[in-house]
Amino acid sequence: MSSDPADARDWLARLPKVELHVHLEGAIPHEALWELVRKYGGDPAVPDLASLEKKFVFRNFSHFVETWSWKNRFLREDEDFVLIAEAVARDLAGQNIRYAEVFFSPSDFAAFGLEPQRIAEAVRRGLARVPEIRISLVADLVRDDGPVKAARTLAEVYEARVLGIIGIGIGGSESKFPPEPFGAVYEEARRLGFRTSAHAGEAAGPESVWAAARLLRVDRIGHATRAAEDESLVEYLAERQIQLEMCPLSNVRTGVIDSLERHPIRRFYDRGIPVTANTDDPKMFGTSLAEEYSCLMDRLRFTRNDIQTLVANAVRASWLPEPEKRALFESIRDDPAGAKMTF
């Protein structure tokens, strides 16, 4: 195969892909978000689309969370979620992403009188307009709201499960709200038939990853970057084959990692941990799944075979039923850009 960077970028664009860690509200194309900003009277600090794009440069993780909350002020009505869901789905489909499991954070919008079922219904209406991609939903219970509200959101999400909600997670301010208080919520989620993930080891240390794995007993862990600080934890993740939803450029953009070269995804991959690469909040971080893969190839020695392994890992780690996983894998393998992939 050619080693020319332009040829590699072309191949990555054509490669069928799967994404498991992407937030709906962080994946809104800027043009769609700008439409909503104007709808609600704008912001003097963001007078045009160009300034909106500059808004998404972050000093640190706390600044990122602050900007996340600012953006969510412009999502107030059902039709806003229809709009962004369609826009996000079209963007993902345009990247040749065949399947995605997309987080959404319904409790963030309670102040506007929006209940989880209404939001899920609106999101599903928007997604239905883009049949080229299949998207399942994962409800972020938002750790900042605490376990009592998380339990209430879980019950409400369960009533909306027919809308394609297949799992739950907790994002938010990890360093302020550790995993331990959410143990009972995760037990209930499993009882209700949901799959589980948790953001851990992003803005807090290895102890957060230990708690997600041992106490919450999650199916997958989002980020887990700081697991690299504890060799016994790295060994545990490899031995137990715990699936990691890693987001390299997100970690660099928020200052969690100083540089991509210091990101542990290569180390984890080499240790046999089943890692996947994902974009997290692609329109806030100026990335795409192809860009993530390209950076891994350019700066962390990932080969084309390695990238295909990451895609296969994502199929295996997805929460699709086994026959549908097999069908998805075969559709990717049968594509000329995905040839030679092994499941």
C-alpha atoms as a PDB file:
ATOM      1  CA  MET A   1       0.000   0.000   0.000  1.00  0.00           C
ATOM      2  CA  SER A   2       1.127   3.552  -0.644  1.00  0.00           C
ATOM      3  CA  SER A   3       2.725   5.483   2.219  1.00  0.00           C
ATOM      4  CA  ASP A   4       1.773   8.830   0.706  1.00  0.00           C
ATOM      5  CA  PRO A   5      -0.138  10.913   3.331  1.00  0.00           C
ATOM      6  CA  ALA A   6      -2.660  12.151   0.754  1.00  0.00           C
ATOM      7  CA  ASP A   7      -3.350   8.570  -0.288  1.00  0.00           C
ATOM      8  CA  ALA A   8      -3.789   7.581   3.357  1.00  0.00           C
ATOM      9  CA  ARG A   9      -6.270  10.415   3.938  1.00  0.00           C
ATOM     10  CA  ASP A  10      -8.247   9.335   0.884  1.00  0.00           C
ATOM     11  CA  TRP A  11      -8.330   5.755   2.177  1.00  0.00           C
ATOM     12  CA  LEU A  12      -9.454   6.908   5.638  1.00  0.00           C
ATOM     13  CA  ALA A  13     -12.259   8.953   4.105  1.00  0.00           C
ATOM     14  CA  ARG A  14     -13.466   5.903   2.162  1.00  0.00           C
ATOM     15  CA  LEU A  15     -13.057   3.451   5.053  1.00  0.00           C
ATOM     16  CA  PRO A  16     -16.418   2.438   6.564  1.00  0.00           C
ATOM     17  CA  LYS A  17     -16.339   3.370  10.237  1.00  0.00           C
ATOM     18  CA  VAL A  18     -18.076   2.806  13.568  1.00  0.00           C
ATOM     19  CA  GLU A  19     -18.137   5.299  16.439  1.00  0.00           C
ATOM     20  CA  LEU A  20     -19.018   4.476  20.041  1.00  0.00           C
ATOM     21  CA  HIS A  21     -18.247   7.653  21.982  1.00  0.00           C
ATOM     22  CA  VAL A  22     -19.739  10.788  20.483  1.00  0.00           C
ATOM     23  CA  HIS A  23     -22.042  13.283  22.176  1.00  0.00           C
ATOM     24  CA  LEU A  24     -24.997  14.589  20.205  1.00  0.00           C
ATOM     25  CA  GLU A  25     -24.723  18.065  21.725  1.00  0.00           C
ATOM     26  CA  GLY A  26     -20.971  18.206  21.017  1.00  0.00           C
ATOM     27  CA  ALA A  27     -21.334  17.051  17.422  1.00  0.00           C
ATOM     28  CA  ILE A  28     -23.658  19.811  16.187  1.00  0.00           C
ATOM     29  CA  PRO A  29     -22.306  21.242  12.917  1.00  0.00           C
ATOM     30  CA  HIS A  30     -21.490  24.907  13.430  1.00  0.00           C
ATOM     31  CA  GLU A  31     -23.978  26.084  10.819  1.00  0.00           C
ATOM     32  CA  ALA A  32     -26.835  24.343  12.638  1.00  0.00           C
ATOM     33  CA  LEU A  33     -25.732  25.702  16.010  1.00  0.00           C
ATOM     34  CA  TRP A  34     -25.418  29.197  14.538  1.00  0.00           C
ATOM     35  CA  GLU A  35     -29.005  28.895  13.314  1.00  0.00           C
ATOM     36  CA  LEU A  36     -30.093  28.226  16.900  1.00  0.00           C
ATOM     37  CA  VAL A  37     -27.956  31.028  18.331  1.00  0.00           C
ATOM     38  CA  ARG A  38     -29.696  33.470  15.983  1.00  0.00           C
ATOM     39  CA  LYS A  39     -33.095  31.958  16.765  1.00  0.00           C
ATOM     40  CA  TYR A  40     -32.723  32.823  20.440  1.00  0.00           C
ATOM     41  CA  GLY A  41     -31.367  36.315  20.057  1.00  0.00           C
ATOM     42  CA  GLY A  42     -27.684  35.575  19.790  1.00  0.00           C
ATOM     43  CA  ASP A  43     -24.822  36.401  22.122  1.00  0.00           C
ATOM     44  CA  PRO A  44     -22.941  39.725  21.922  1.00  0.00           C
ATOM     45  CA  ALA A  45     -19.671  37.839  22.346  1.00  0.00           C
ATOM     46  CA  VAL A  46     -20.489  35.678  19.311  1.00  0.00           C
ATOM     47  CA  PRO A  47     -21.645  38.036  16.556  1.00  0.00           C
ATOM     48  CA  ASP A  48     -21.066  35.726  13.584  1.00  0.00           C
ATOM     49  CA  LEU A  49     -20.273  32.187  12.511  1.00  0.00           C
ATOM     50  CA  ALA A  50     -16.531  32.807  12.499  1.00  0.00           C
ATOM     51  CA  SER A  51     -16.580  33.919  16.125  1.00  0.00           C
ATOM     52  CA  LEU A  52     -18.689  30.891  17.023  1.00  0.00           C
ATOM     53  CA  GLU A  53     -15.985  28.637  15.628  1.00  0.00           C
ATOM     54  CA  LYS A  54     -13.354  30.488  17.690  1.00  0.00           C
ATOM     55  CA  LYS A  55     -15.475  29.906  20.801  1.00  0.00           C
ATOM     56  CA  PHE A  56     -14.390  26.266  20.774  1.00  0.00           C
ATOM     57  CA  VAL A  57     -10.799  26.750  21.895  1.00  0.00           C
ATOM     58  CA  PHE A  58     -10.336  25.631  25.486  1.00  0.00           C
ATOM     59  CA  ARG A  59      -7.914  26.668  28.210  1.00  0.00           C
ATOM     60  CA  ASN A  60      -8.530  23.514  30.227  1.00  0.00           C
ATOM     61  CA  PHE A  61     -11.183  20.914  31.017  1.00  0.00           C
ATOM     62  CA  SER A  62     -13.184  23.286  33.240  1.00  0.00           C
ATOM     63  CA  HIS A  63     -13.346  25.828  30.426  1.00  0.00           C
ATOM     64  CA  PHE A  64     -14.610  23.102  28.121  1.00  0.00           C
ATOM     65  CA  VAL A  65     -17.425  22.220  30.582  1.00  0.00           C
ATOM     66  CA  GLU A  66     -18.313  25.919  30.852  1.00  0.00           C
ATOM     67  CA  THR A  67     -18.526  26.227  27.052  1.00  0.00           C
ATOM     68  CA  TRP A  68     -20.609  23.036  26.882  1.00  0.00           C
ATOM     69  CA  SER A  69     -23.159  24.640  29.213  1.00  0.00           C
ATOM     70  CA  TRP A  70     -23.129  27.869  27.195  1.00  0.00           C
ATOM     71  CA  LYS A  71     -23.909  25.975  23.995  1.00  0.00           C
ATOM     72  CA  ASN A  72     -26.793  24.091  25.592  1.00  0.00           C
ATOM     73  CA  ARG A  73     -28.600  27.377  26.283  1.00  0.00           C
ATOM     74  CA  PHE A  74     -29.639  27.354  22.637  1.00  0.00           C
ATOM     75  CA  LEU A  75     -31.439  23.994  22.794  1.00  0.00           C
ATOM     76  CA  ARG A  76     -34.855  24.831  24.224  1.00  0.00           C
ATOM     77  CA  GLU A  77     -37.597  23.267  22.106  1.00  0.00           C
ATOM     78  CA  ASP A  78     -38.435  19.918  20.560  1.00  0.00           C
ATOM     79  CA  GLU A  79     -37.719  21.206  17.060  1.00  0.00           C
ATOM     80  CA  ASP A  80     -34.221  22.252  18.121  1.00  0.00           C
ATOM     81  CA  PHE A  81     -33.427  18.610  18.807  1.00  0.00           C
ATOM     82  CA  VAL A  82     -34.974  17.511  15.530  1.00  0.00           C
ATOM     83  CA  LEU A  83     -32.721  20.034  13.796  1.00  0.00           C
ATOM     84  CA  ILE A  84     -29.498  19.023  15.487  1.00  0.00           C
ATOM     85  CA  ALA A  85     -30.173  15.277  15.276  1.00  0.00           C
ATOM     86  CA  GLU A  86     -30.662  15.466  11.531  1.00  0.00           C
ATOM     87  CA  ALA A  87     -27.591  17.686  11.119  1.00  0.00           C
ATOM     88  CA  VAL A  88     -25.397  15.385  13.212  1.00  0.00           C
ATOM     89  CA  ALA A  89     -26.632  12.264  11.410  1.00  0.00           C
ATOM     90  CA  ARG A  90     -25.932  13.811   7.998  1.00  0.00           C
ATOM     91  CA  ASP A  91     -22.457  14.798   9.127  1.00  0.00           C
ATOM     92  CA  LEU A  92     -21.671  11.311  10.457  1.00  0.00           C
ATOM     93  CA  ALA A  93     -23.085   9.637   7.346  1.00  0.00           C
ATOM     94  CA  GLY A  94     -20.980  11.972   5.210  1.00  0.00           C
ATOM     95  CA  GLN A  95     -17.899  10.595   6.970  1.00  0.00           C
ATOM     96  CA  ASN A  96     -18.901   7.056   5.950  1.00  0.00           C
ATOM     97  CA  ILE A  97     -19.707   6.130   9.534  1.00  0.00           C
ATOM     98  CA  ARG A  98     -22.026   3.151   9.180  1.00  0.00           C
ATOM     99  CA  TYR A  99     -23.101   2.846  12.810  1.00  0.00           C
ATOM    100  CA  ALA A 100     -22.810   5.071  15.881  1.00  0.00           C
ATOM    101  CA  GLU A 101     -23.807   4.935  19.526  1.00  0.00           C
ATOM    102  CA  VAL A 102     -24.517   8.541  20.433  1.00  0.00           C
ATOM    103  CA  PHE A 103     -24.754  10.018  23.911  1.00  0.00           C
ATOM    104  CA  PHE A 104     -27.430  12.585  24.696  1.00  0.00           C
ATOM    105  CA  SER A 105     -27.887  14.412  28.014  1.00  0.00           C
ATOM    106  CA  PRO A 106     -31.623  14.900  28.660  1.00  0.00           C
ATOM    107  CA  SER A 107     -31.314  16.222  32.221  1.00  0.00           C
ATOM    108  CA  ASP A 108     -29.318  19.225  30.954  1.00  0.00           C
ATOM    109  CA  PHE A 109     -32.541  20.627  29.487  1.00  0.00           C
ATOM    110  CA  ALA A 110     -34.969  20.230  32.381  1.00  0.00           C
ATOM    111  CA  ALA A 111     -34.824  23.988  32.966  1.00  0.00           C
ATOM    112  CA  PHE A 112     -36.611  24.448  29.628  1.00  0.00           C
ATOM    113  CA  GLY A 113     -39.376  22.062  30.643  1.00  0.00           C
ATOM    114  CA  LEU A 114     -38.115  19.305  28.360  1.00  0.00           C
ATOM    115  CA  GLU A 115     -38.550  15.762  29.627  1.00  0.00           C
ATOM    116  CA  PRO A 116     -36.295  12.891  28.481  1.00  0.00           C
ATOM    117  CA  GLN A 117     -39.024  11.201  26.449  1.00  0.00           C
ATOM    118  CA  ARG A 118     -39.830  14.397  24.540  1.00  0.00           C
ATOM    119  CA  ILE A 119     -36.158  14.945  23.786  1.00  0.00           C
ATOM    120  CA  ALA A 120     -35.678  11.333  22.697  1.00  0.00           C
ATOM    121  CA  GLU A 121     -38.736  11.518  20.445  1.00  0.00           C
ATOM    122  CA  ALA A 122     -37.466  14.712  18.828  1.00  0.00           C
ATOM    123  CA  VAL A 123     -33.977  13.276  18.374  1.00  0.00           C
ATOM    124  CA  ARG A 124     -35.357  10.120  16.808  1.00  0.00           C
ATOM    125  CA  ARG A 125     -37.465  12.192  14.370  1.00  0.00           C
ATOM    126  CA  GLY A 126     -34.354  13.985  13.229  1.00  0.00           C
ATOM    127  CA  LEU A 127     -32.300  10.796  12.930  1.00  0.00           C
ATOM    128  CA  ALA A 128     -35.046   9.130  10.898  1.00  0.00           C
ATOM    129  CA  ARG A 129     -34.485  11.707   8.160  1.00  0.00           C
ATOM    130  CA  VAL A 130     -31.043  10.214   7.464  1.00  0.00           C
ATOM    131  CA  PRO A 131     -31.500   6.529   6.624  1.00  0.00           C
ATOM    132  CA  GLU A 132     -27.908   6.183   5.411  1.00  0.00           C
ATOM    133  CA  ILE A 133     -26.662   5.652   8.987  1.00  0.00           C
ATOM    134  CA  ARG A 134     -27.932   3.644  11.927  1.00  0.00           C
ATOM    135  CA  ILE A 135     -27.700   5.432  15.278  1.00  0.00           C
ATOM    136  CA  SER A 136     -28.475   4.042  18.720  1.00  0.00           C
ATOM    137  CA  LEU A 137     -28.832   6.357  21.706  1.00  0.00           C
ATOM    138  CA  VAL A 138     -27.030   6.265  25.051  1.00  0.00           C
ATOM    139  CA  ALA A 139     -28.454   8.412  27.851  1.00  0.00           C
ATOM    140  CA  ASP A 140     -25.861  10.390  29.781  1.00  0.00           C
ATOM    141  CA  LEU A 141     -27.230  10.576  33.333  1.00  0.00           C
ATOM    142  CA  VAL A 142     -24.861  13.531  34.063  1.00  0.00           C
ATOM    143  CA  ARG A 143     -22.929  12.888  37.261  1.00  0.00           C
ATOM    144  CA  ASP A 144     -23.144  16.575  38.289  1.00  0.00           C
ATOM    145  CA  ASP A 145     -26.867  16.067  39.000  1.00  0.00           C
ATOM    146  CA  GLY A 146     -26.111  13.444  41.650  1.00  0.00           C
ATOM    147  CA  PRO A 147     -27.352   9.861  42.032  1.00  0.00           C
ATOM    148  CA  VAL A 148     -30.925  10.733  43.065  1.00  0.00           C
ATOM    149  CA  LYS A 149     -31.608  12.706  39.909  1.00  0.00           C
ATOM    150  CA  ALA A 150     -29.676  10.152  37.875  1.00  0.00           C
ATOM    151  CA  ALA A 151     -32.031   7.440  39.154  1.00  0.00           C
ATOM    152  CA  ARG A 152     -35.027   9.559  38.177  1.00  0.00           C
ATOM    153  CA  THR A 153     -33.593  10.205  34.713  1.00  0.00           C
ATOM    154  CA  LEU A 154     -32.931   6.483  34.332  1.00  0.00           C
ATOM    155  CA  ALA A 155     -36.574   5.683  35.078  1.00  0.00           C
ATOM    156  CA  GLU A 156     -37.729   8.300  32.566  1.00  0.00           C
ATOM    157  CA  VAL A 157     -35.306   7.032  29.923  1.00  0.00           C
ATOM    158  CA  TYR A 158     -36.582   3.490  30.462  1.00  0.00           C
ATOM    159  CA  GLU A 159     -40.062   4.665  29.477  1.00  0.00           C
ATOM    160  CA  ALA A 160     -38.554   5.922  26.197  1.00  0.00           C
ATOM    161  CA  ARG A 161     -36.400   2.877  25.452  1.00  0.00           C
ATOM    162  CA  VAL A 162     -38.473   1.997  22.359  1.00  0.00           C
ATOM    163  CA  LEU A 163     -36.900   5.049  20.727  1.00  0.00           C
ATOM    164  CA  GLY A 164     -33.614   3.205  20.404  1.00  0.00           C
ATOM    165  CA  ILE A 165     -32.026   4.006  23.771  1.00  0.00           C
ATOM    166  CA  ILE A 166     -29.807   1.026  24.478  1.00  0.00           C
ATOM    167  CA  GLY A 167     -27.474   2.167  27.235  1.00  0.00           C
ATOM    168  CA  ILE A 168     -26.529   4.700  29.889  1.00  0.00           C
ATOM    169  CA  GLY A 169     -23.395   6.506  30.995  1.00  0.00           C
ATOM    170  CA  ILE A 170     -22.239   9.312  33.259  1.00  0.00           C
ATOM    171  CA  GLY A 171     -20.317  12.279  31.884  1.00  0.00           C
ATOM    172  CA  GLY A 172     -19.698  15.689  33.404  1.00  0.00           C
ATOM    173  CA  SER A 173     -17.343  16.937  36.124  1.00  0.00           C
ATOM    174  CA  GLU A 174     -15.562  13.713  36.970  1.00  0.00           C
ATOM    175  CA  SER A 175     -13.148  15.185  39.514  1.00  0.00           C
ATOM    176  CA  LYS A 176     -16.032  16.644  41.571  1.00  0.00           C
ATOM    177  CA  PHE A 177     -18.431  13.716  41.241  1.00  0.00           C
ATOM    178  CA  PRO A 178     -16.699  10.309  41.502  1.00  0.00           C
ATOM    179  CA  PRO A 179     -18.351   7.061  40.374  1.00  0.00           C
ATOM    180  CA  GLU A 180     -18.965   5.443  43.776  1.00  0.00           C
ATOM    181  CA  PRO A 181     -22.338   7.070  44.644  1.00  0.00           C
ATOM    182  CA  PHE A 182     -23.824   5.795  41.360  1.00  0.00           C
ATOM    183  CA  GLY A 183     -23.449   2.082  42.105  1.00  0.00           C
ATOM    184  CA  ALA A 184     -27.146   1.482  42.799  1.00  0.00           C
ATOM    185  CA  VAL A 185     -28.135   3.414  39.663  1.00  0.00           C
ATOM    186  CA  TYR A 186     -25.956   1.140  37.545  1.00  0.00           C
ATOM    187  CA  GLU A 187     -27.382  -1.971  39.170  1.00  0.00           C
ATOM    188  CA  GLU A 188     -30.865  -0.753  38.322  1.00  0.00           C
ATOM    189  CA  ALA A 189     -29.822   0.085  34.766  1.00  0.00           C
ATOM    190  CA  ARG A 190     -28.616  -3.483  34.265  1.00  0.00           C
ATOM    191  CA  ARG A 191     -31.828  -4.844  35.752  1.00  0.00           C
ATOM    192  CA  LEU A 192     -33.770  -2.779  33.218  1.00  0.00           C
ATOM    193  CA  GLY A 193     -31.747  -4.258  30.370  1.00  0.00           C
ATOM    194  CA  PHE A 194     -29.482  -1.288  29.569  1.00  0.00           C
ATOM    195  CA  ARG A 195     -25.818  -1.607  28.634  1.00  0.00           C
ATOM    196  CA  THR A 196     -23.454   0.579  30.628  1.00  0.00           C
ATOM    197  CA  SER A 197     -20.520   2.907  30.163  1.00  0.00           C
ATOM    198  CA  ALA A 198     -18.928   5.614  32.285  1.00  0.00           C
ATOM    199  CA  HIS A 199     -16.540   8.476  31.690  1.00  0.00           C
ATOM    200  CA  ALA A 200     -13.555   7.737  33.917  1.00  0.00           C
ATOM    201  CA  GLY A 201      -9.873   8.571  33.952  1.00  0.00           C
ATOM    202  CA  GLU A 202     -10.398  11.718  31.903  1.00  0.00           C
ATOM    203  CA  ALA A 203     -10.434  14.522  34.490  1.00  0.00           C
ATOM    204  CA  ALA A 204      -9.660  12.269  37.485  1.00  0.00           C
ATOM    205  CA  GLY A 205      -6.989   9.690  38.153  1.00  0.00           C
ATOM    206  CA  PRO A 206      -6.722   5.893  38.011  1.00  0.00           C
ATOM    207  CA  GLU A 207      -8.949   5.500  41.048  1.00  0.00           C
ATOM    208  CA  SER A 208     -11.874   6.681  38.926  1.00  0.00           C
ATOM    209  CA  VAL A 209     -11.200   3.927  36.367  1.00  0.00           C
ATOM    210  CA  TRP A 210     -10.907   1.315  39.114  1.00  0.00           C
ATOM    211  CA  ALA A 211     -14.293   2.392  40.500  1.00  0.00           C
ATOM    212  CA  ALA A 212     -15.959   2.321  37.073  1.00  0.00           C
ATOM    213  CA  ALA A 213     -14.643  -1.175  36.413  1.00  0.00           C
ATOM    214  CA  ARG A 214     -15.079  -2.786  39.832  1.00  0.00           C
ATOM    215  CA  LEU A 215     -17.926  -0.919  41.475  1.00  0.00           C
ATOM    216  CA  LEU A 216     -20.075   0.206  38.544  1.00  0.00           C
ATOM    217  CA  ARG A 217     -19.124  -2.956  36.591  1.00  0.00           C
ATOM    218  CA  VAL A 218     -19.486  -1.163  33.283  1.00  0.00           C
ATOM    219  CA  ASP A 219     -19.415  -2.809  29.874  1.00  0.00           C
ATOM    220  CA  ARG A 220     -17.144  -0.079  28.511  1.00  0.00           C
ATOM    221  CA  ILE A 221     -15.146   2.838  29.910  1.00  0.00           C
ATOM    222  CA  GLY A 222     -15.006   6.230  28.204  1.00  0.00           C
ATOM    223  CA  HIS A 223     -11.541   7.831  27.977  1.00  0.00           C
ATOM    224  CA  ALA A 224      -9.612   5.910  30.717  1.00  0.00           C
ATOM    225  CA  THR A 225      -6.595   7.987  29.724  1.00  0.00           C
ATOM    226  CA  ARG A 226      -5.134   8.240  33.214  1.00  0.00           C
ATOM    227  CA  ALA A 227      -5.228   4.494  33.710  1.00  0.00           C
ATOM    228  CA  ALA A 228      -1.725   4.728  32.247  1.00  0.00           C
ATOM    229  CA  GLU A 229      -0.532   6.067  35.613  1.00  0.00           C
ATOM    230  CA  ASP A 230      -1.173   2.695  37.302  1.00  0.00           C
ATOM    231  CA  GLU A 231       0.565  -0.335  35.798  1.00  0.00           C
ATOM    232  CA  SER A 232      -1.574  -2.740  37.820  1.00  0.00           C
ATOM    233  CA  LEU A 233      -4.668  -1.110  36.321  1.00  0.00           C
ATOM    234  CA  VAL A 234      -3.292  -1.418  32.797  1.00  0.00           C
ATOM    235  CA  GLU A 235      -2.688  -5.114  33.484  1.00  0.00           C
ATOM    236  CA  TYR A 236      -6.224  -5.471  34.875  1.00  0.00           C
ATOM    237  CA  LEU A 237      -7.784  -3.840  31.799  1.00  0.00           C
ATOM    238  CA  ALA A 238      -5.778  -6.141  29.523  1.00  0.00           C
ATOM    239  CA  GLU A 239      -6.536  -9.315  31.484  1.00  0.00           C
ATOM    240  CA  ARG A 240     -10.263  -8.548  31.748  1.00  0.00           C
ATOM    241  CA  GLN A 241     -10.429  -7.282  28.146  1.00  0.00           C
ATOM    242  CA  ILE A 242     -12.323  -4.185  29.267  1.00  0.00           C
ATOM    243  CA  GLN A 243     -13.351  -2.144  26.254  1.00  0.00           C
ATOM    244  CA  LEU A 244     -12.130   1.454  26.209  1.00  0.00           C
ATOM    245  CA  GLU A 245     -13.785   4.268  24.246  1.00  0.00           C
ATOM    246  CA  MET A 246     -10.697   6.429  23.768  1.00  0.00           C
ATOM    247  CA  CYS A 247     -10.839   9.987  22.405  1.00  0.00           C
ATOM    248  CA  PRO A 248      -7.274  11.122  21.673  1.00  0.00           C
ATOM    249  CA  LEU A 249      -7.780  14.579  20.155  1.00  0.00           C
ATOM    250  CA  SER A 250     -10.458  15.435  22.719  1.00  0.00           C
ATOM    251  CA  ASN A 251      -7.942  14.750  25.481  1.00  0.00           C
ATOM    252  CA  VAL A 252      -5.389  17.023  23.821  1.00  0.00           C
ATOM    253  CA  ARG A 253      -7.905  19.831  23.168  1.00  0.00           C
ATOM    254  CA  THR A 254      -9.063  19.885  26.811  1.00  0.00           C
ATOM    255  CA  GLY A 255      -5.521  19.709  28.194  1.00  0.00           C
ATOM    256  CA  VAL A 256      -6.000  16.282  29.778  1.00  0.00           C
ATOM    257  CA  ILE A 257      -2.960  15.148  27.750  1.00  0.00           C
ATOM    258  CA  ASP A 258      -0.111  17.523  26.864  1.00  0.00           C
ATOM    259  CA  SER A 259       0.340  16.190  23.339  1.00  0.00           C
ATOM    260  CA  LEU A 260      -0.912  13.404  21.135  1.00  0.00           C
ATOM    261  CA  GLU A 261       2.495  11.749  21.305  1.00  0.00           C
ATOM    262  CA  ARG A 262       1.958  11.259  25.049  1.00  0.00           C
ATOM    263  CA  HIS A 263      -1.493   9.750  24.683  1.00  0.00           C
ATOM    264  CA  PRO A 264      -1.625   6.147  26.000  1.00  0.00           C
ATOM    265  CA  ILE A 265      -3.778   4.669  23.220  1.00  0.00           C
ATOM    266  CA  ARG A 266      -0.708   3.188  21.511  1.00  0.00           C
ATOM    267  CA  ARG A 267       0.520   1.628  24.757  1.00  0.00           C
ATOM    268  CA  PHE A 268      -2.911   0.209  25.532  1.00  0.00           C
ATOM    269  CA  TYR A 269      -3.281  -1.138  22.000  1.00  0.00           C
ATOM    270  CA  ASP A 270       0.092  -2.843  22.188  1.00  0.00           C
ATOM    271  CA  ARG A 271      -0.890  -4.418  25.511  1.00  0.00           C
ATOM    272  CA  GLY A 272      -3.919  -6.020  23.873  1.00  0.00           C
ATOM    273  CA  ILE A 273      -6.553  -3.864  25.564  1.00  0.00           C
ATOM    274  CA  PRO A 274      -9.587  -3.631  23.224  1.00  0.00           C
ATOM    275  CA  VAL A 275      -9.430   0.097  22.476  1.00  0.00           C
ATOM    276  CA  THR A 276     -11.474   2.115  20.017  1.00  0.00           C
ATOM    277  CA  ALA A 277     -10.820   5.627  18.720  1.00  0.00           C
ATOM    278  CA  ASN A 278     -13.647   8.156  18.865  1.00  0.00           C
ATOM    279  CA  THR A 279     -14.261  11.891  18.510  1.00  0.00           C
ATOM    280  CA  ASP A 280     -16.195  12.683  21.733  1.00  0.00           C
ATOM    281  CA  ASP A 281     -17.372  16.216  20.780  1.00  0.00           C
ATOM    282  CA  PRO A 282     -16.103  16.572  17.219  1.00  0.00           C
ATOM    283  CA  LYS A 283     -17.498  20.007  16.377  1.00  0.00           C
ATOM    284  CA  MET A 284     -16.207  21.435  19.629  1.00  0.00           C
ATOM    285  CA  PHE A 285     -12.759  19.930  19.059  1.00  0.00           C
ATOM    286  CA  GLY A 286     -12.472  20.431  15.304  1.00  0.00           C
ATOM    287  CA  THR A 287     -12.025  16.767  14.523  1.00  0.00           C
ATOM    288  CA  SER A 288     -13.587  13.827  12.705  1.00  0.00           C
ATOM    289  CA  LEU A 289     -13.128  10.092  12.958  1.00  0.00           C
ATOM    290  CA  ALA A 290     -10.948  10.076   9.836  1.00  0.00           C
ATOM    291  CA  GLU A 291      -8.845  12.853  11.377  1.00  0.00           C
ATOM    292  CA  GLU A 292      -8.432  10.842  14.593  1.00  0.00           C
ATOM    293  CA  TYR A 293      -7.218   7.865  12.566  1.00  0.00           C
ATOM    294  CA  SER A 294      -4.948  10.043  10.462  1.00  0.00           C
ATOM    295  CA  CYS A 295      -3.261  11.479  13.541  1.00  0.00           C
ATOM    296  CA  LEU A 296      -2.780   8.002  14.990  1.00  0.00           C
ATOM    297  CA  MET A 297      -1.056   6.957  11.772  1.00  0.00           C
ATOM    298  CA  ASP A 298       1.063  10.102  11.461  1.00  0.00           C
ATOM    299  CA  ARG A 299       2.127  10.486  15.081  1.00  0.00           C
ATOM    300  CA  LEU A 300       1.605   7.215  16.955  1.00  0.00           C
ATOM    301  CA  ARG A 301       2.803   4.620  14.418  1.00  0.00           C
ATOM    302  CA  PHE A 302      -0.585   3.072  13.695  1.00  0.00           C
ATOM    303  CA  THR A 303      -0.608   1.205  10.386  1.00  0.00           C
ATOM    304  CA  ARG A 304      -3.553   0.627   8.059  1.00  0.00           C
ATOM    305  CA  ASN A 305      -3.933  -2.841   9.547  1.00  0.00           C
ATOM    306  CA  ASP A 306      -4.024  -1.256  13.027  1.00  0.00           C
ATOM    307  CA  ILE A 307      -6.742   1.157  11.950  1.00  0.00           C
ATOM    308  CA  GLN A 308      -8.794  -1.711  10.558  1.00  0.00           C
ATOM    309  CA  THR A 309      -8.351  -3.461  13.907  1.00  0.00           C
ATOM    310  CA  LEU A 310      -9.709  -0.359  15.668  1.00  0.00           C
ATOM    311  CA  VAL A 311     -12.779  -0.459  13.420  1.00  0.00           C
ATOM    312  CA  ALA A 312     -13.242  -4.181  14.094  1.00  0.00           C
ATOM    313  CA  ASN A 313     -12.842  -3.495  17.834  1.00  0.00           C
ATOM    314  CA  ALA A 314     -15.653  -0.956  17.580  1.00  0.00           C
ATOM    315  CA  VAL A 315     -17.942  -3.471  15.901  1.00  0.00           C
ATOM    316  CA  ARG A 316     -17.194  -6.052  18.606  1.00  0.00           C
ATOM    317  CA  ALA A 317     -17.597  -3.513  21.424  1.00  0.00           C
ATOM    318  CA  SER A 318     -20.864  -2.144  20.058  1.00  0.00           C
ATOM    319  CA  TRP A 319     -24.114  -2.979  21.807  1.00  0.00           C
ATOM    320  CA  LEU A 320     -25.782  -4.379  18.724  1.00  0.00           C
ATOM    321  CA  PRO A 321     -27.200  -7.928  18.955  1.00  0.00           C
ATOM    322  CA  GLU A 322     -24.633 -10.493  17.797  1.00  0.00           C
ATOM    323  CA  PRO A 323     -26.279 -11.238  14.403  1.00  0.00           C
ATOM    324  CA  GLU A 324     -26.358  -7.514  13.644  1.00  0.00           C
ATOM    325  CA  LYS A 325     -22.722  -7.125  14.670  1.00  0.00           C
ATOM    326  CA  ARG A 326     -21.825  -9.878  12.236  1.00  0.00           C
ATOM    327  CA  ALA A 327     -23.839  -8.248   9.450  1.00  0.00           C
ATOM    328  CA  LEU A 328     -22.221  -4.861  10.144  1.00  0.00           C
ATOM    329  CA  PHE A 329     -18.758  -6.375  10.141  1.00  0.00           C
ATOM    330  CA  GLU A 330     -19.376  -8.196   6.876  1.00  0.00           C
ATOM    331  CA  SER A 331     -20.671  -5.038   5.213  1.00  0.00           C
ATOM    332  CA  ILE A 332     -17.474  -3.226   6.220  1.00  0.00           C
ATOM    333  CA  ARG A 333     -15.199  -6.111   5.242  1.00  0.00           C
ATOM    334  CA  ASP A 334     -16.876  -6.377   1.840  1.00  0.00           C
ATOM    335  CA  ASP A 335     -16.163  -2.719   1.104  1.00  0.00           C
ATOM    336  CA  PRO A 336     -12.925  -2.274  -0.912  1.00  0.00           C
ATOM    337  CA  ALA A 337     -11.500   0.071   1.762  1.00  0.00           C
ATOM    338  CA  GLY A 338     -12.315  -2.379   4.548  1.00  0.00           C
ATOM    339  CA  ALA A 339     -11.000  -5.520   2.879  1.00  0.00           C
ATOM    340  CA  LYS A 340      -8.884  -7.941   4.920  1.00  0.00           C
ATOM    341  CA  MET A 341     -10.504  -6.948   8.217  1.00  0.00           C
ATOM    342  CA  THR A 342     -10.918  -9.844  10.637  1.00  0.00           C
ATOM    343  CA  PHE A 343     -13.697 -10.144  13.181  1.00  0.00           C
END
